[in-house]
Amino acid sequence: SLITIKSIVRSRGNIAGVIIPIFEELTFDEQAYDLHFYPLWVDQALECLREYARLDALIATLATQIKLLSNELRTTSQRVNLFEKVKIPEAKENIRIIGIYLGDQQTAAVVRGKIAKKKLVGGH
């Protein structure tokens, strides 16, 4: 083989709290070859193969990014739906119940105040 992949260099990135791989470079082990035994187009073919391999590694990395971000999007959508459809209506209902309770307590305090005033004024 005239060319083999030596390593794929990736770094880590962060998009919306999701750690994703970021393609950096593809390195090759290249074998020396005798120009007398190979046709002239071999140099160009090897360059095309290097570019093809680089693009293939880039596409694989991008596919991994899409998969990771899609999973996070699904989780986030589920959480948003939970809040929109369950938690927010529950909170609104609880606020309504607390408002009624506070109104009842205020009314009871006014009534107690009037009773106390009546007792003080009436002398009981």
PDB file of N, CA and C in Angstrom:
ATOM      1  N   SER A   1       0.843  -1.185   0.000  1.00  0.00           N
ATOM      2  CA  SER A   1       0.000   0.000   0.000  1.00  0.00           C
ATOM      3  C   SER A   1       0.887   1.248   0.000  1.00  0.00           C
ATOM      4  N   LEU A   2       0.582   2.172  -0.861  1.00  0.00           N
ATOM      5  CA  LEU A   2       1.392   3.384  -0.975  1.00  0.00           C
ATOM      6  C   LEU A   2       1.036   4.424   0.079  1.00  0.00           C
ATOM      7  N   ILE A   3      -0.173   4.342   0.611  1.00  0.00           N
ATOM      8  CA  ILE A   3      -0.607   5.331   1.598  1.00  0.00           C
ATOM      9  C   ILE A   3      -1.531   4.651   2.609  1.00  0.00           C
ATOM     10  N   THR A   4      -1.291   4.928   3.888  1.00  0.00           N
ATOM     11  CA  THR A   4      -2.175   4.428   4.949  1.00  0.00           C
ATOM     12  C   THR A   4      -2.431   5.556   5.937  1.00  0.00           C
ATOM     13  N   ILE A   5      -3.580   5.479   6.578  1.00  0.00           N
ATOM     14  CA  ILE A   5      -3.932   6.497   7.576  1.00  0.00           C
ATOM     15  C   ILE A   5      -3.144   6.221   8.845  1.00  0.00           C
ATOM     16  N   LYS A   6      -2.461   7.226   9.328  1.00  0.00           N
ATOM     17  CA  LYS A   6      -1.672   7.111  10.556  1.00  0.00           C
ATOM     18  C   LYS A   6      -2.539   7.449  11.763  1.00  0.00           C
ATOM     19  N   SER A   7      -3.222   8.596  11.698  1.00  0.00           N
ATOM     20  CA  SER A   7      -4.070   8.974  12.835  1.00  0.00           C
ATOM     21  C   SER A   7      -5.114  10.002  12.407  1.00  0.00           C
ATOM     22  N   ILE A   8      -6.204   9.985  13.156  1.00  0.00           N
ATOM     23  CA  ILE A   8      -7.243  11.004  13.003  1.00  0.00           C
ATOM     24  C   ILE A   8      -7.163  11.874  14.253  1.00  0.00           C
ATOM     25  N   VAL A   9      -6.931  13.151  14.064  1.00  0.00           N
ATOM     26  CA  VAL A   9      -6.793  14.069  15.196  1.00  0.00           C
ATOM     27  C   VAL A   9      -8.112  14.811  15.374  1.00  0.00           C
ATOM     28  N   ARG A  10      -8.677  14.653  16.578  1.00  0.00           N
ATOM     29  CA  ARG A  10      -9.921  15.345  16.913  1.00  0.00           C
ATOM     30  C   ARG A  10      -9.726  16.059  18.245  1.00  0.00           C
ATOM     31  N   SER A  11     -10.381  17.186  18.362  1.00  0.00           N
ATOM     32  CA  SER A  11     -10.401  17.878  19.647  1.00  0.00           C
ATOM     33  C   SER A  11     -11.828  17.803  20.174  1.00  0.00           C
ATOM     34  N   ARG A  12     -12.052  18.410  21.314  1.00  0.00           N
ATOM     35  CA  ARG A  12     -13.387  18.423  21.918  1.00  0.00           C
ATOM     36  C   ARG A  12     -13.914  19.848  21.895  1.00  0.00           C
ATOM     37  N   GLY A  13     -15.193  19.965  21.615  1.00  0.00           N
ATOM     38  CA  GLY A  13     -15.858  21.263  21.630  1.00  0.00           C
ATOM     39  C   GLY A  13     -17.110  21.175  22.476  1.00  0.00           C
ATOM     40  N   ASN A  14     -17.721  22.316  22.685  1.00  0.00           N
ATOM     41  CA  ASN A  14     -18.919  22.371  23.514  1.00  0.00           C
ATOM     42  C   ASN A  14     -19.960  23.217  22.797  1.00  0.00           C
ATOM     43  N   ILE A  15     -21.098  22.612  22.501  1.00  0.00           N
ATOM     44  CA  ILE A  15     -22.220  23.339  21.920  1.00  0.00           C
ATOM     45  C   ILE A  15     -23.404  23.134  22.847  1.00  0.00           C
ATOM     46  N   ALA A  16     -23.875  24.213  23.441  1.00  0.00           N
ATOM     47  CA  ALA A  16     -25.040  24.180  24.336  1.00  0.00           C
ATOM     48  C   ALA A  16     -24.877  23.132  25.435  1.00  0.00           C
ATOM     49  N   GLY A  17     -23.666  23.005  25.955  1.00  0.00           N
ATOM     50  CA  GLY A  17     -23.422  22.078  27.051  1.00  0.00           C
ATOM     51  C   GLY A  17     -23.168  20.642  26.616  1.00  0.00           C
ATOM     52  N   VAL A  18     -23.153  20.388  25.329  1.00  0.00           N
ATOM     53  CA  VAL A  18     -22.899  19.042  24.809  1.00  0.00           C
ATOM     54  C   VAL A  18     -21.450  18.983  24.326  1.00  0.00           C
ATOM     55  N   ILE A  19     -20.704  18.018  24.848  1.00  0.00           N
ATOM     56  CA  ILE A  19     -19.318  17.827  24.418  1.00  0.00           C
ATOM     57  C   ILE A  19     -19.346  17.057  23.094  1.00  0.00           C
ATOM     58  N   ILE A  20     -18.736  17.663  22.067  1.00  0.00           N
ATOM     59  CA  ILE A  20     -18.731  17.047  20.738  1.00  0.00           C
ATOM     60  C   ILE A  20     -17.301  16.956  20.211  1.00  0.00           C
ATOM     61  N   PRO A  21     -17.048  15.957  19.348  1.00  0.00           N
ATOM     62  CA  PRO A  21     -15.726  15.886  18.714  1.00  0.00           C
ATOM     63  C   PRO A  21     -15.639  16.900  17.574  1.00  0.00           C
ATOM     64  N   ILE A  22     -14.466  17.475  17.406  1.00  0.00           N
ATOM     65  CA  ILE A  22     -14.221  18.418  16.311  1.00  0.00           C
ATOM     66  C   ILE A  22     -13.032  17.896  15.507  1.00  0.00           C
ATOM     67  N   PHE A  23     -13.253  17.699  14.218  1.00  0.00           N
ATOM     68  CA  PHE A  23     -12.201  17.180  13.338  1.00  0.00           C
ATOM     69  C   PHE A  23     -11.094  18.214  13.194  1.00  0.00           C
ATOM     70  N   GLU A  24      -9.866  17.771  13.395  1.00  0.00           N
ATOM     71  CA  GLU A  24      -8.708  18.652  13.242  1.00  0.00           C
ATOM     72  C   GLU A  24      -7.917  18.297  11.979  1.00  0.00           C
ATOM     73  N   GLU A  25      -7.427  17.049  11.932  1.00  0.00           N
ATOM     74  CA  GLU A  25      -6.634  16.656  10.768  1.00  0.00           C
ATOM     75  C   GLU A  25      -6.531  15.142  10.674  1.00  0.00           C
ATOM     76  N   LEU A  26      -6.109  14.711   9.523  1.00  0.00           N
ATOM     77  CA  LEU A  26      -5.870  13.303   9.248  1.00  0.00           C
ATOM     78  C   LEU A  26      -4.416  13.191   8.806  1.00  0.00           C
ATOM     79  N   THR A  27      -3.659  12.321   9.466  1.00  0.00           N
ATOM     80  CA  THR A  27      -2.251  12.167   9.085  1.00  0.00           C
ATOM     81  C   THR A  27      -2.052  10.807   8.415  1.00  0.00           C
ATOM     82  N   PHE A  28      -1.078  10.753   7.543  1.00  0.00           N
ATOM     83  CA  PHE A  28      -0.844   9.557   6.731  1.00  0.00           C
ATOM     84  C   PHE A  28       0.581   9.057   6.891  1.00  0.00           C
ATOM     85  N   ASP A  29       0.736   7.742   6.752  1.00  0.00           N
ATOM     86  CA  ASP A  29       2.051   7.118   6.566  1.00  0.00           C
ATOM     87  C   ASP A  29       2.186   6.889   5.073  1.00  0.00           C
ATOM     88  N   GLU A  30       3.165   7.502   4.481  1.00  0.00           N
ATOM     89  CA  GLU A  30       3.344   7.362   3.036  1.00  0.00           C
ATOM     90  C   GLU A  30       4.608   6.564   2.757  1.00  0.00           C
ATOM     91  N   GLN A  31       4.477   5.663   1.824  1.00  0.00           N
ATOM     92  CA  GLN A  31       5.609   4.835   1.419  1.00  0.00           C
ATOM     93  C   GLN A  31       6.296   5.487   0.216  1.00  0.00           C
ATOM     94  N   ALA A  32       7.589   5.434   0.224  1.00  0.00           N
ATOM     95  CA  ALA A  32       8.334   5.928  -0.948  1.00  0.00           C
ATOM     96  C   ALA A  32       8.151   4.909  -2.075  1.00  0.00           C
ATOM     97  N   TYR A  33       8.033   5.397  -3.272  1.00  0.00           N
ATOM     98  CA  TYR A  33       7.872   4.488  -4.407  1.00  0.00           C
ATOM     99  C   TYR A  33       8.736   4.970  -5.572  1.00  0.00           C
ATOM    100  N   ASP A  34       9.074   4.030  -6.384  1.00  0.00           N
ATOM    101  CA  ASP A  34       9.952   4.304  -7.526  1.00  0.00           C
ATOM    102  C   ASP A  34       9.111   4.815  -8.689  1.00  0.00           C
ATOM    103  N   LEU A  35       9.408   6.014  -9.149  1.00  0.00           N
ATOM    104  CA  LEU A  35       8.651   6.622 -10.234  1.00  0.00           C
ATOM    105  C   LEU A  35       8.759   5.829 -11.537  1.00  0.00           C
ATOM    106  N   HIS A  36       9.791   4.999 -11.673  1.00  0.00           N
ATOM    107  CA  HIS A  36       9.972   4.200 -12.891  1.00  0.00           C
ATOM    108  C   HIS A  36       8.958   3.057 -12.982  1.00  0.00           C
ATOM    109  N   PHE A  37       8.460   2.614 -11.821  1.00  0.00           N
ATOM    110  CA  PHE A  37       7.548   1.467 -11.815  1.00  0.00           C
ATOM    111  C   PHE A  37       6.075   1.864 -11.772  1.00  0.00           C
ATOM    112  N   TYR A  38       5.786   3.127 -11.521  1.00  0.00           N
ATOM    113  CA  TYR A  38       4.393   3.576 -11.416  1.00  0.00           C
ATOM    114  C   TYR A  38       4.095   4.619 -12.492  1.00  0.00           C
ATOM    115  N   PRO A  39       2.853   4.643 -12.967  1.00  0.00           N
ATOM    116  CA  PRO A  39       2.483   5.649 -13.975  1.00  0.00           C
ATOM    117  C   PRO A  39       2.516   7.062 -13.387  1.00  0.00           C
ATOM    118  N   LEU A  40       2.507   8.053 -14.261  1.00  0.00           N
ATOM    119  CA  LEU A  40       2.592   9.456 -13.836  1.00  0.00           C
ATOM    120  C   LEU A  40       1.385   9.909 -13.010  1.00  0.00           C
ATOM    121  N   TRP A  41       0.245   9.320 -13.231  1.00  0.00           N
ATOM    122  CA  TRP A  41      -0.968   9.760 -12.541  1.00  0.00           C
ATOM    123  C   TRP A  41      -1.039   9.297 -11.088  1.00  0.00           C
ATOM    124  N   VAL A  42      -0.105   8.482 -10.632  1.00  0.00           N
ATOM    125  CA  VAL A  42      -0.143   7.962  -9.262  1.00  0.00           C
ATOM    126  C   VAL A  42      -0.065   9.096  -8.240  1.00  0.00           C
ATOM    127  N   ASP A  43       0.769  10.111  -8.489  1.00  0.00           N
ATOM    128  CA  ASP A  43       0.865  11.243  -7.551  1.00  0.00           C
ATOM    129  C   ASP A  43      -0.488  11.918  -7.366  1.00  0.00           C
ATOM    130  N   GLN A  44      -1.156  12.178  -8.464  1.00  0.00           N
ATOM    131  CA  GLN A  44      -2.464  12.834  -8.389  1.00  0.00           C
ATOM    132  C   GLN A  44      -3.494  11.907  -7.734  1.00  0.00           C
ATOM    133  N   ALA A  45      -3.419  10.618  -8.037  1.00  0.00           N
ATOM    134  CA  ALA A  45      -4.347   9.660  -7.434  1.00  0.00           C
ATOM    135  C   ALA A  45      -4.156   9.599  -5.920  1.00  0.00           C
ATOM    136  N   LEU A  46      -2.908   9.607  -5.471  1.00  0.00           N
ATOM    137  CA  LEU A  46      -2.639   9.591  -4.030  1.00  0.00           C
ATOM    138  C   LEU A  46      -3.164  10.856  -3.360  1.00  0.00           C
ATOM    139  N   GLU A  47      -3.007  11.988  -4.021  1.00  0.00           N
ATOM    140  CA  GLU A  47      -3.527  13.245  -3.478  1.00  0.00           C
ATOM    141  C   GLU A  47      -5.054  13.185  -3.383  1.00  0.00           C
ATOM    142  N   CYS A  48      -5.686  12.637  -4.400  1.00  0.00           N
ATOM    143  CA  CYS A  48      -7.151  12.482  -4.375  1.00  0.00           C
ATOM    144  C   CYS A  48      -7.578  11.539  -3.251  1.00  0.00           C
ATOM    145  N   LEU A  49      -6.837  10.456  -3.055  1.00  0.00           N
ATOM    146  CA  LEU A  49      -7.150   9.518  -1.971  1.00  0.00           C
ATOM    147  C   LEU A  49      -6.991  10.179  -0.605  1.00  0.00           C
ATOM    148  N   ARG A  50      -5.953  10.993  -0.434  1.00  0.00           N
ATOM    149  CA  ARG A  50      -5.762  11.710   0.830  1.00  0.00           C
ATOM    150  C   ARG A  50      -6.955  12.629   1.102  1.00  0.00           C
ATOM    151  N   GLU A  51      -7.359  13.353   0.078  1.00  0.00           N
ATOM    152  CA  GLU A  51      -8.489  14.279   0.237  1.00  0.00           C
ATOM    153  C   GLU A  51      -9.786  13.514   0.510  1.00  0.00           C
ATOM    154  N   TYR A  52      -9.981  12.404  -0.187  1.00  0.00           N
ATOM    155  CA  TYR A  52     -11.168  11.578   0.037  1.00  0.00           C
ATOM    156  C   TYR A  52     -11.191  11.068   1.478  1.00  0.00           C
ATOM    157  N   ALA A  53     -10.063  10.560   1.960  1.00  0.00           N
ATOM    158  CA  ALA A  53      -9.981  10.048   3.330  1.00  0.00           C
ATOM    159  C   ALA A  53     -10.222  11.171   4.336  1.00  0.00           C
ATOM    160  N   ARG A  54      -9.666  12.353   4.068  1.00  0.00           N
ATOM    161  CA  ARG A  54      -9.863  13.490   4.965  1.00  0.00           C
ATOM    162  C   ARG A  54     -11.345  13.866   5.034  1.00  0.00           C
ATOM    163  N   LEU A  55     -11.985  13.936   3.868  1.00  0.00           N
ATOM    164  CA  LEU A  55     -13.409  14.286   3.835  1.00  0.00           C
ATOM    165  C   LEU A  55     -14.264  13.204   4.492  1.00  0.00           C
ATOM    166  N   ASP A  56     -13.887  11.945   4.315  1.00  0.00           N
ATOM    167  CA  ASP A  56     -14.617  10.847   4.943  1.00  0.00           C
ATOM    168  C   ASP A  56     -14.526  10.939   6.467  1.00  0.00           C
ATOM    169  N   ALA A  57     -13.338  11.229   6.984  1.00  0.00           N
ATOM    170  CA  ALA A  57     -13.164  11.389   8.433  1.00  0.00           C
ATOM    171  C   ALA A  57     -13.941  12.603   8.938  1.00  0.00           C
ATOM    172  N   LEU A  58     -13.951  13.676   8.160  1.00  0.00           N
ATOM    173  CA  LEU A  58     -14.712  14.873   8.529  1.00  0.00           C
ATOM    174  C   LEU A  58     -16.204  14.565   8.579  1.00  0.00           C
ATOM    175  N   ILE A  59     -16.704  13.855   7.574  1.00  0.00           N
ATOM    176  CA  ILE A  59     -18.129  13.501   7.539  1.00  0.00           C
ATOM    177  C   ILE A  59     -18.491  12.602   8.718  1.00  0.00           C
ATOM    178  N   ALA A  60     -17.634  11.644   9.050  1.00  0.00           N
ATOM    179  CA  ALA A  60     -17.890  10.764  10.193  1.00  0.00           C
ATOM    180  C   ALA A  60     -17.948  11.566  11.490  1.00  0.00           C
ATOM    181  N   THR A  61     -17.058  12.538  11.628  1.00  0.00           N
ATOM    182  CA  THR A  61     -17.056  13.387  12.824  1.00  0.00           C
ATOM    183  C   THR A  61     -18.320  14.239  12.877  1.00  0.00           C
ATOM    184  N   LEU A  62     -18.718  14.792  11.743  1.00  0.00           N
ATOM    185  CA  LEU A  62     -19.945  15.598  11.697  1.00  0.00           C
ATOM    186  C   LEU A  62     -21.172  14.749  12.004  1.00  0.00           C
ATOM    187  N   ALA A  63     -21.189  13.503  11.531  1.00  0.00           N
ATOM    188  CA  ALA A  63     -22.310  12.604  11.828  1.00  0.00           C
ATOM    189  C   ALA A  63     -22.395  12.335  13.330  1.00  0.00           C
ATOM    190  N   THR A  64     -21.244  12.174  13.971  1.00  0.00           N
ATOM    191  CA  THR A  64     -21.223  11.987  15.423  1.00  0.00           C
ATOM    192  C   THR A  64     -21.748  13.232  16.128  1.00  0.00           C
ATOM    193  N   GLN A  65     -21.347  14.411  15.657  1.00  0.00           N
ATOM    194  CA  GLN A  65     -21.853  15.661  16.235  1.00  0.00           C
ATOM    195  C   GLN A  65     -23.370  15.727  16.120  1.00  0.00           C
ATOM    196  N   ILE A  66     -23.887  15.401  14.936  1.00  0.00           N
ATOM    197  CA  ILE A  66     -25.337  15.447  14.713  1.00  0.00           C
ATOM    198  C   ILE A  66     -26.051  14.486  15.650  1.00  0.00           C
ATOM    199  N   LYS A  67     -25.502  13.285  15.807  1.00  0.00           N
ATOM    200  CA  LYS A  67     -26.116  12.292  16.692  1.00  0.00           C
ATOM    201  C   LYS A  67     -26.159  12.798  18.132  1.00  0.00           C
ATOM    202  N   LEU A  68     -25.040  13.318  18.616  1.00  0.00           N
ATOM    203  CA  LEU A  68     -24.976  13.813  19.995  1.00  0.00           C
ATOM    204  C   LEU A  68     -25.925  14.991  20.205  1.00  0.00           C
ATOM    205  N   LEU A  69     -25.938  15.926  19.261  1.00  0.00           N
ATOM    206  CA  LEU A  69     -26.807  17.100  19.393  1.00  0.00           C
ATOM    207  C   LEU A  69     -28.279  16.723  19.243  1.00  0.00           C
ATOM    208  N   SER A  70     -28.585  15.747  18.397  1.00  0.00           N
ATOM    209  CA  SER A  70     -29.971  15.291  18.243  1.00  0.00           C
ATOM    210  C   SER A  70     -30.479  14.659  19.532  1.00  0.00           C
ATOM    211  N   ASN A  71     -29.626  13.857  20.170  1.00  0.00           N
ATOM    212  CA  ASN A  71     -30.015  13.258  21.453  1.00  0.00           C
ATOM    213  C   ASN A  71     -30.291  14.339  22.490  1.00  0.00           C
ATOM    214  N   GLU A  72     -29.440  15.340  22.546  1.00  0.00           N
ATOM    215  CA  GLU A  72     -29.630  16.427  23.509  1.00  0.00           C
ATOM    216  C   GLU A  72     -30.877  17.236  23.173  1.00  0.00           C
ATOM    217  N   LEU A  73     -31.120  17.462  21.891  1.00  0.00           N
ATOM    218  CA  LEU A  73     -32.321  18.191  21.476  1.00  0.00           C
ATOM    219  C   LEU A  73     -33.577  17.434  21.890  1.00  0.00           C
ATOM    220  N   ARG A  74     -33.570  16.110  21.721  1.00  0.00           N
ATOM    221  CA  ARG A  74     -34.715  15.300  22.121  1.00  0.00           C
ATOM    222  C   ARG A  74     -34.955  15.434  23.627  1.00  0.00           C
ATOM    223  N   THR A  75     -33.889  15.329  24.411  1.00  0.00           N
ATOM    224  CA  THR A  75     -34.010  15.455  25.864  1.00  0.00           C
ATOM    225  C   THR A  75     -34.530  16.835  26.248  1.00  0.00           C
ATOM    226  N   THR A  76     -33.992  17.869  25.620  1.00  0.00           N
ATOM    227  CA  THR A  76     -34.424  19.235  25.917  1.00  0.00           C
ATOM    228  C   THR A  76     -35.882  19.439  25.527  1.00  0.00           C
ATOM    229  N   SER A  77     -36.288  18.905  24.387  1.00  0.00           N
ATOM    230  CA  SER A  77     -37.686  19.023  23.953  1.00  0.00           C
ATOM    231  C   SER A  77     -38.618  18.332  24.939  1.00  0.00           C
ATOM    232  N   GLN A  78     -38.201  17.174  25.444  1.00  0.00           N
ATOM    233  CA  GLN A  78     -39.010  16.467  26.436  1.00  0.00           C
ATOM    234  C   GLN A  78     -39.150  17.302  27.704  1.00  0.00           C
ATOM    235  N   ARG A  79     -38.069  17.938  28.119  1.00  0.00           N
ATOM    236  CA  ARG A  79     -38.131  18.773  29.323  1.00  0.00           C
ATOM    237  C   ARG A  79     -39.020  19.985  29.105  1.00  0.00           C
ATOM    238  N   VAL A  80     -38.903  20.617  27.937  1.00  0.00           N
ATOM    239  CA  VAL A  80     -39.747  21.777  27.625  1.00  0.00           C
ATOM    240  C   VAL A  80     -41.208  21.366  27.629  1.00  0.00           C
ATOM    241  N   ASN A  81     -41.517  20.229  26.996  1.00  0.00           N
ATOM    242  CA  ASN A  81     -42.897  19.749  26.980  1.00  0.00           C
ATOM    243  C   ASN A  81     -43.394  19.447  28.385  1.00  0.00           C
ATOM    244  N   LEU A  82     -42.527  18.866  29.216  1.00  0.00           N
ATOM    245  CA  LEU A  82     -42.908  18.586  30.596  1.00  0.00           C
ATOM    246  C   LEU A  82     -43.288  19.873  31.313  1.00  0.00           C
ATOM    247  N   PHE A  83     -42.478  20.910  31.152  1.00  0.00           N
ATOM    248  CA  PHE A  83     -42.778  22.174  31.816  1.00  0.00           C
ATOM    249  C   PHE A  83     -44.018  22.826  31.236  1.00  0.00           C
ATOM    250  N   GLU A  84     -44.140  22.851  29.900  1.00  0.00           N
ATOM    251  CA  GLU A  84     -45.286  23.514  29.271  1.00  0.00           C
ATOM    252  C   GLU A  84     -46.596  22.811  29.585  1.00  0.00           C
ATOM    253  N   LYS A  85     -46.589  21.486  29.578  1.00  0.00           N
ATOM    254  CA  LYS A  85     -47.834  20.745  29.677  1.00  0.00           C
ATOM    255  C   LYS A  85     -48.155  20.265  31.088  1.00  0.00           C
ATOM    256  N   VAL A  86     -47.151  20.164  31.959  1.00  0.00           N
ATOM    257  CA  VAL A  86     -47.391  19.610  33.290  1.00  0.00           C
ATOM    258  C   VAL A  86     -47.020  20.594  34.396  1.00  0.00           C
ATOM    259  N   LYS A  87     -45.764  20.964  34.454  1.00  0.00           N
ATOM    260  CA  LYS A  87     -45.285  21.734  35.606  1.00  0.00           C
ATOM    261  C   LYS A  87     -45.863  23.147  35.668  1.00  0.00           C
ATOM    262  N   ILE A  88     -45.920  23.851  34.554  1.00  0.00           N
ATOM    263  CA  ILE A  88     -46.462  25.217  34.570  1.00  0.00           C
ATOM    264  C   ILE A  88     -47.943  25.210  34.923  1.00  0.00           C
ATOM    265  N   PRO A  89     -48.783  24.330  34.319  1.00  0.00           N
ATOM    266  CA  PRO A  89     -50.186  24.285  34.752  1.00  0.00           C
ATOM    267  C   PRO A  89     -50.336  23.910  36.230  1.00  0.00           C
ATOM    268  N   GLU A  90     -49.495  22.985  36.713  1.00  0.00           N
ATOM    269  CA  GLU A  90     -49.540  22.637  38.140  1.00  0.00           C
ATOM    270  C   GLU A  90     -49.211  23.854  38.995  1.00  0.00           C
ATOM    271  N   ALA A  91     -48.180  24.583  38.616  1.00  0.00           N
ATOM    272  CA  ALA A  91     -47.784  25.772  39.381  1.00  0.00           C
ATOM    273  C   ALA A  91     -48.887  26.821  39.362  1.00  0.00           C
ATOM    274  N   LYS A  92     -49.525  27.031  38.206  1.00  0.00           N
ATOM    275  CA  LYS A  92     -50.624  28.001  38.130  1.00  0.00           C
ATOM    276  C   LYS A  92     -51.778  27.587  39.028  1.00  0.00           C
ATOM    277  N   GLU A  93     -52.089  26.295  39.036  1.00  0.00           N
ATOM    278  CA  GLU A  93     -53.173  25.805  39.904  1.00  0.00           C
ATOM    279  C   GLU A  93     -52.795  25.982  41.375  1.00  0.00           C
ATOM    280  N   ASN A  94     -51.556  25.683  41.718  1.00  0.00           N
ATOM    281  CA  ASN A  94     -51.104  25.867  43.104  1.00  0.00           C
ATOM    282  C   ASN A  94     -51.150  27.339  43.503  1.00  0.00           C
ATOM    283  N   ILE A  95     -50.762  28.231  42.594  1.00  0.00           N
ATOM    284  CA  ILE A  95     -50.829  29.672  42.876  1.00  0.00           C
ATOM    285  C   ILE A  95     -52.272  30.096  43.095  1.00  0.00           C
ATOM    286  N   ARG A  96     -53.186  29.558  42.280  1.00  0.00           N
ATOM    287  CA  ARG A  96     -54.608  29.886  42.433  1.00  0.00           C
ATOM    288  C   ARG A  96     -55.120  29.415  43.802  1.00  0.00           C
ATOM    289  N   ILE A  97     -54.753  28.195  44.196  1.00  0.00           N
ATOM    290  CA  ILE A  97     -55.192  27.651  45.488  1.00  0.00           C
ATOM    291  C   ILE A  97     -54.613  28.470  46.637  1.00  0.00           C
ATOM    292  N   ILE A  98     -53.344  28.843  46.528  1.00  0.00           N
ATOM    293  CA  ILE A  98     -52.717  29.670  47.572  1.00  0.00           C
ATOM    294  C   ILE A  98     -53.403  31.025  47.648  1.00  0.00           C
ATOM    295  N   GLY A  99     -53.737  31.607  46.488  1.00  0.00           N
ATOM    296  CA  GLY A  99     -54.454  32.889  46.472  1.00  0.00           C
ATOM    297  C   GLY A  99     -55.797  32.791  47.173  1.00  0.00           C
ATOM    298  N   ILE A 100     -56.525  31.705  46.924  1.00  0.00           N
ATOM    299  CA  ILE A 100     -57.816  31.498  47.602  1.00  0.00           C
ATOM    300  C   ILE A 100     -57.600  31.368  49.100  1.00  0.00           C
ATOM    301  N   TYR A 101     -56.600  30.580  49.500  1.00  0.00           N
ATOM    302  CA  TYR A 101     -56.314  30.388  50.917  1.00  0.00           C
ATOM    303  C   TYR A 101     -55.964  31.714  51.592  1.00  0.00           C
ATOM    304  N   LEU A 102     -55.099  32.510  50.942  1.00  0.00           N
ATOM    305  CA  LEU A 102     -54.722  33.803  51.522  1.00  0.00           C
ATOM    306  C   LEU A 102     -55.928  34.734  51.611  1.00  0.00           C
ATOM    307  N   GLY A 103     -56.791  34.684  50.598  1.00  0.00           N
ATOM    308  CA  GLY A 103     -58.019  35.488  50.647  1.00  0.00           C
ATOM    309  C   GLY A 103     -58.905  35.064  51.806  1.00  0.00           C
ATOM    310  N   ASP A 104     -59.038  33.760  52.004  1.00  0.00           N
ATOM    311  CA  ASP A 104     -59.828  33.245  53.132  1.00  0.00           C
ATOM    312  C   ASP A 104     -59.213  33.665  54.464  1.00  0.00           C
ATOM    313  N   GLN A 105     -57.884  33.608  54.559  1.00  0.00           N
ATOM    314  CA  GLN A 105     -57.208  34.013  55.794  1.00  0.00           C
ATOM    315  C   GLN A 105     -57.403  35.502  56.063  1.00  0.00           C
ATOM    316  N   GLN A 106     -57.356  36.296  55.006  1.00  0.00           N
ATOM    317  CA  GLN A 106     -57.558  37.736  55.160  1.00  0.00           C
ATOM    318  C   GLN A 106     -58.984  38.026  55.620  1.00  0.00           C
ATOM    319  N   THR A 107     -59.943  37.337  55.024  1.00  0.00           N
ATOM    320  CA  THR A 107     -61.344  37.513  55.425  1.00  0.00           C
ATOM    321  C   THR A 107     -61.530  37.100  56.881  1.00  0.00           C
ATOM    322  N   ALA A 108     -60.926  35.975  57.269  1.00  0.00           N
ATOM    323  CA  ALA A 108     -61.035  35.504  58.651  1.00  0.00           C
ATOM    324  C   ALA A 108     -60.390  36.498  59.612  1.00  0.00           C
ATOM    325  N   ALA A 109     -59.276  37.107  59.218  1.00  0.00           N
ATOM    326  CA  ALA A 109     -58.610  38.091  60.076  1.00  0.00           C
ATOM    327  C   ALA A 109     -59.487  39.320  60.250  1.00  0.00           C
ATOM    328  N   VAL A 110     -60.149  39.748  59.177  1.00  0.00           N
ATOM    329  CA  VAL A 110     -61.052  40.903  59.269  1.00  0.00           C
ATOM    330  C   VAL A 110     -62.210  40.576  60.200  1.00  0.00           C
ATOM    331  N   VAL A 111     -62.757  39.384  60.048  1.00  0.00           N
ATOM    332  CA  VAL A 111     -63.878  38.973  60.911  1.00  0.00           C
ATOM    333  C   VAL A 111     -63.424  38.918  62.360  1.00  0.00           C
ATOM    334  N   ARG A 112     -62.245  38.345  62.619  1.00  0.00           N
ATOM    335  CA  ARG A 112     -61.736  38.290  64.000  1.00  0.00           C
ATOM    336  C   ARG A 112     -61.518  39.695  64.551  1.00  0.00           C
ATOM    337  N   GLY A 113     -61.017  40.570  63.702  1.00  0.00           N
ATOM    338  CA  GLY A 113     -60.810  41.960  64.132  1.00  0.00           C
ATOM    339  C   GLY A 113     -62.120  42.631  64.498  1.00  0.00           C
ATOM    340  N   LYS A 114     -63.148  42.405  63.713  1.00  0.00           N
ATOM    341  CA  LYS A 114     -64.458  42.999  64.002  1.00  0.00           C
ATOM    342  C   LYS A 114     -65.043  42.430  65.278  1.00  0.00           C
ATOM    343  N   ILE A 115     -64.868  41.119  65.469  1.00  0.00           N
ATOM    344  CA  ILE A 115     -65.378  40.494  66.697  1.00  0.00           C
ATOM    345  C   ILE A 115     -64.643  41.058  67.902  1.00  0.00           C
ATOM    346  N   ALA A 116     -63.317  41.202  67.788  1.00  0.00           N
ATOM    347  CA  ALA A 116     -62.535  41.742  68.902  1.00  0.00           C
ATOM    348  C   ALA A 116     -62.941  43.177  69.182  1.00  0.00           C
ATOM    349  N   LYS A 117     -63.170  43.962  68.146  1.00  0.00           N
ATOM    350  CA  LYS A 117     -63.575  45.352  68.323  1.00  0.00           C
ATOM    351  C   LYS A 117     -64.947  45.422  68.982  1.00  0.00           C
ATOM    352  N   LYS A 118     -65.827  44.538  68.549  1.00  0.00           N
ATOM    353  CA  LYS A 118     -67.178  44.508  69.114  1.00  0.00           C
ATOM    354  C   LYS A 118     -67.121  44.173  70.599  1.00  0.00           C
ATOM    355  N   LYS A 119     -66.228  43.231  70.973  1.00  0.00           N
ATOM    356  CA  LYS A 119     -66.084  42.858  72.377  1.00  0.00           C
ATOM    357  C   LYS A 119     -65.532  44.022  73.186  1.00  0.00           C
ATOM    358  N   LEU A 120     -64.551  44.740  72.590  1.00  0.00           N
ATOM    359  CA  LEU A 120     -63.967  45.873  73.304  1.00  0.00           C
ATOM    360  C   LEU A 120     -64.976  47.000  73.469  1.00  0.00           C
ATOM    361  N   VAL A 121     -65.707  47.284  72.411  1.00  0.00           N
ATOM    362  CA  VAL A 121     -66.680  48.374  72.452  1.00  0.00           C
ATOM    363  C   VAL A 121     -67.876  47.974  73.301  1.00  0.00           C
ATOM    364  N   GLY A 122     -68.290  46.733  73.178  1.00  0.00           N
ATOM    365  CA  GLY A 122     -69.455  46.264  73.914  1.00  0.00           C
ATOM    366  C   GLY A 122     -69.147  45.988  75.370  1.00  0.00           C
ATOM    367  N   GLY A 123     -67.899  45.882  75.717  1.00  0.00           N
ATOM    368  CA  GLY A 123     -67.506  45.675  77.088  1.00  0.00           C
ATOM    369  C   GLY A 123     -67.614  44.248  77.560  1.00  0.00           C
ATOM    370  N   HIS A 124     -67.633  43.328  76.731  1.00  0.00           N
ATOM    371  CA  HIS A 124     -67.749  41.933  77.153  1.00  0.00           C
ATOM    372  C   HIS A 124     -66.468  41.375  77.543  1.00  0.00           C
TER     373      HIS A 124
END
